[in-house]
Amino acid sequence: MRNGKAHYPPYTSKYNPIEHRLFPHVTRSCQGVIFESVEIVEELIAKTKTKTGLQVFTTILDGVYKTGRKVTEEFKQMMEIVFDDYLPQWNYTAVPQIQ
């Protein structure tokens, strides 16, 4: 897959490689800790690493996002979507057209 996004349909997380490679280590880092704040969770996740070189970087997105927003026709015309050969219904790259 190119530098795009991969979406997995509901109930198929068993196919998502990040869930198998990352989440067990994050779970181990957070084991036994009571989450009293987002900062505690961020710190624990950021400390997650393995002997084989896995290192985790975190970013907290604290913005408020509206739900139910629709994409405008103008945006659709300006954004090229290139579907990948492998699972094209879920793997794609969004390429903005610079004016």
C-alpha atoms as a PDB file:
ATOM      1  CA  MET A   1       0.000   0.000   0.000  1.00  0.00           C
ATOM      2  CA  ARG A   2       1.208   3.509  -0.759  1.00  0.00           C
ATOM      3  CA  ASN A   3       1.253   6.274   1.845  1.00  0.00           C
ATOM      4  CA  GLY A   4      -2.509   6.252   2.213  1.00  0.00           C
ATOM      5  CA  LYS A   5      -5.129   5.135   4.648  1.00  0.00           C
ATOM      6  CA  ALA A   6      -6.352   1.641   5.304  1.00  0.00           C
ATOM      7  CA  HIS A   7      -9.851   1.077   6.564  1.00  0.00           C
ATOM      8  CA  TYR A   8     -10.972  -2.259   7.876  1.00  0.00           C
ATOM      9  CA  PRO A   9     -14.665  -3.081   7.865  1.00  0.00           C
ATOM     10  CA  PRO A  10     -16.457  -3.662  11.165  1.00  0.00           C
ATOM     11  CA  TYR A  11     -15.602  -6.878  12.993  1.00  0.00           C
ATOM     12  CA  THR A  12     -12.448  -7.563  10.959  1.00  0.00           C
ATOM     13  CA  SER A  13      -9.837  -6.129  13.315  1.00  0.00           C
ATOM     14  CA  LYS A  14      -8.129  -9.524  13.243  1.00  0.00           C
ATOM     15  CA  TYR A  15      -6.763  -8.458   9.842  1.00  0.00           C
ATOM     16  CA  ASN A  16      -5.398  -5.139  11.128  1.00  0.00           C
ATOM     17  CA  PRO A  17      -1.641  -5.611  11.660  1.00  0.00           C
ATOM     18  CA  ILE A  18      -1.324  -2.640  14.025  1.00  0.00           C
ATOM     19  CA  GLU A  19      -3.644  -4.318  16.509  1.00  0.00           C
ATOM     20  CA  HIS A  20      -1.323  -7.329  16.664  1.00  0.00           C
ATOM     21  CA  ARG A  21       2.003  -5.474  16.625  1.00  0.00           C
ATOM     22  CA  LEU A  22       1.288  -2.454  18.807  1.00  0.00           C
ATOM     23  CA  PHE A  23      -1.676  -2.917  21.115  1.00  0.00           C
ATOM     24  CA  PRO A  24      -0.294  -5.837  23.195  1.00  0.00           C
ATOM     25  CA  HIS A  25       2.712  -3.697  24.152  1.00  0.00           C
ATOM     26  CA  VAL A  26       0.566  -0.645  24.939  1.00  0.00           C
ATOM     27  CA  THR A  27      -1.701  -2.849  27.053  1.00  0.00           C
ATOM     28  CA  ARG A  28       1.326  -4.150  28.964  1.00  0.00           C
ATOM     29  CA  SER A  29       2.560  -0.584  29.590  1.00  0.00           C
ATOM     30  CA  CYS A  30      -0.812   0.446  31.017  1.00  0.00           C
ATOM     31  CA  GLN A  31      -1.399  -2.705  33.062  1.00  0.00           C
ATOM     32  CA  GLY A  32      -2.563  -2.084  36.604  1.00  0.00           C
ATOM     33  CA  VAL A  33      -2.757   1.713  36.266  1.00  0.00           C
ATOM     34  CA  ILE A  34      -5.914   3.681  36.986  1.00  0.00           C
ATOM     35  CA  PHE A  35      -6.457   6.257  34.234  1.00  0.00           C
ATOM     36  CA  GLU A  36      -7.106   9.440  36.177  1.00  0.00           C
ATOM     37  CA  SER A  37      -6.253  11.804  33.320  1.00  0.00           C
ATOM     38  CA  VAL A  38      -5.503  11.862  29.612  1.00  0.00           C
ATOM     39  CA  GLU A  39      -1.966  12.993  30.454  1.00  0.00           C
ATOM     40  CA  ILE A  40      -1.320   9.787  32.426  1.00  0.00           C
ATOM     41  CA  VAL A  41      -2.484   7.668  29.499  1.00  0.00           C
ATOM     42  CA  GLU A  42      -0.381   9.706  27.058  1.00  0.00           C
ATOM     43  CA  GLU A  43       2.713   9.307  29.254  1.00  0.00           C
ATOM     44  CA  LEU A  44       2.249   5.551  29.621  1.00  0.00           C
ATOM     45  CA  ILE A  45       1.697   5.003  25.916  1.00  0.00           C
ATOM     46  CA  ALA A  46       4.692   7.206  25.016  1.00  0.00           C
ATOM     47  CA  LYS A  47       6.920   5.069  27.248  1.00  0.00           C
ATOM     48  CA  THR A  48       5.930   1.894  25.389  1.00  0.00           C
ATOM     49  CA  LYS A  49       8.892   0.219  23.673  1.00  0.00           C
ATOM     50  CA  THR A  50      10.233  -3.233  22.960  1.00  0.00           C
ATOM     51  CA  LYS A  51      13.686  -4.830  22.825  1.00  0.00           C
ATOM     52  CA  THR A  52      13.278  -5.207  19.059  1.00  0.00           C
ATOM     53  CA  GLY A  53      12.976  -1.451  18.529  1.00  0.00           C
ATOM     54  CA  LEU A  54       9.286  -0.594  18.667  1.00  0.00           C
ATOM     55  CA  GLN A  55       8.884   2.944  19.987  1.00  0.00           C
ATOM     56  CA  VAL A  56       5.560   4.757  20.319  1.00  0.00           C
ATOM     57  CA  PHE A  57       4.940   8.482  19.781  1.00  0.00           C
ATOM     58  CA  THR A  58       1.747  10.106  21.033  1.00  0.00           C
ATOM     59  CA  THR A  59      -0.263  13.191  20.188  1.00  0.00           C
ATOM     60  CA  ILE A  60      -3.402  14.284  21.977  1.00  0.00           C
ATOM     61  CA  LEU A  61      -6.004  15.860  19.715  1.00  0.00           C
ATOM     62  CA  ASP A  62      -8.163  17.898  22.037  1.00  0.00           C
ATOM     63  CA  GLY A  63     -10.232  19.760  19.461  1.00  0.00           C
ATOM     64  CA  VAL A  64     -13.989  19.511  19.349  1.00  0.00           C
ATOM     65  CA  TYR A  65     -15.150  18.060  16.057  1.00  0.00           C
ATOM     66  CA  LYS A  66     -18.608  18.406  14.602  1.00  0.00           C
ATOM     67  CA  THR A  67     -20.370  15.224  13.619  1.00  0.00           C
ATOM     68  CA  GLY A  68     -22.505  14.744  10.543  1.00  0.00           C
ATOM     69  CA  ARG A  69     -20.499  17.118   8.355  1.00  0.00           C
ATOM     70  CA  LYS A  70     -20.772  16.628   4.604  1.00  0.00           C
ATOM     71  CA  VAL A  71     -18.006  17.084   2.053  1.00  0.00           C
ATOM     72  CA  THR A  72     -18.683  19.898  -0.396  1.00  0.00           C
ATOM     73  CA  GLU A  73     -18.699  19.315  -4.134  1.00  0.00           C
ATOM     74  CA  GLU A  74     -15.838  21.824  -4.485  1.00  0.00           C
ATOM     75  CA  PHE A  75     -13.709  19.768  -2.080  1.00  0.00           C
ATOM     76  CA  LYS A  76     -14.529  16.558  -3.963  1.00  0.00           C
ATOM     77  CA  GLN A  77     -13.362  18.156  -7.212  1.00  0.00           C
ATOM     78  CA  MET A  78     -10.107  19.376  -5.630  1.00  0.00           C
ATOM     79  CA  MET A  79      -9.232  16.081  -3.903  1.00  0.00           C
ATOM     80  CA  GLU A  80      -8.101  13.179  -6.071  1.00  0.00           C
ATOM     81  CA  ILE A  81      -8.619   9.769  -4.475  1.00  0.00           C
ATOM     82  CA  VAL A  82      -6.280   7.062  -5.776  1.00  0.00           C
ATOM     83  CA  PHE A  83      -7.413   3.567  -4.840  1.00  0.00           C
ATOM     84  CA  ASP A  84      -4.761   0.961  -4.118  1.00  0.00           C
ATOM     85  CA  ASP A  85      -4.511  -2.326  -6.002  1.00  0.00           C
ATOM     86  CA  TYR A  86      -4.696  -4.281  -2.737  1.00  0.00           C
ATOM     87  CA  LEU A  87      -8.170  -4.027  -1.149  1.00  0.00           C
ATOM     88  CA  PRO A  88      -9.099  -0.850  -3.046  1.00  0.00           C
ATOM     89  CA  GLN A  89     -12.382  -0.478  -1.170  1.00  0.00           C
ATOM     90  CA  TRP A  90     -10.370   0.219   2.012  1.00  0.00           C
ATOM     91  CA  ASN A  91      -6.895   1.327   0.890  1.00  0.00           C
ATOM     92  CA  TYR A  92      -6.554   4.707  -0.765  1.00  0.00           C
ATOM     93  CA  THR A  93      -4.425   7.824  -1.020  1.00  0.00           C
ATOM     94  CA  ALA A  94      -5.970  11.299  -0.958  1.00  0.00           C
ATOM     95  CA  VAL A  95      -3.994  13.643  -3.213  1.00  0.00           C
ATOM     96  CA  PRO A  96      -4.937  17.339  -2.893  1.00  0.00           C
ATOM     97  CA  GLN A  97      -4.855  19.360  -6.101  1.00  0.00           C
ATOM     98  CA  ILE A  98      -2.914  22.571  -5.499  1.00  0.00           C
ATOM     99  CA  GLN A  99      -4.422  25.586  -7.242  1.00  0.00           C
END
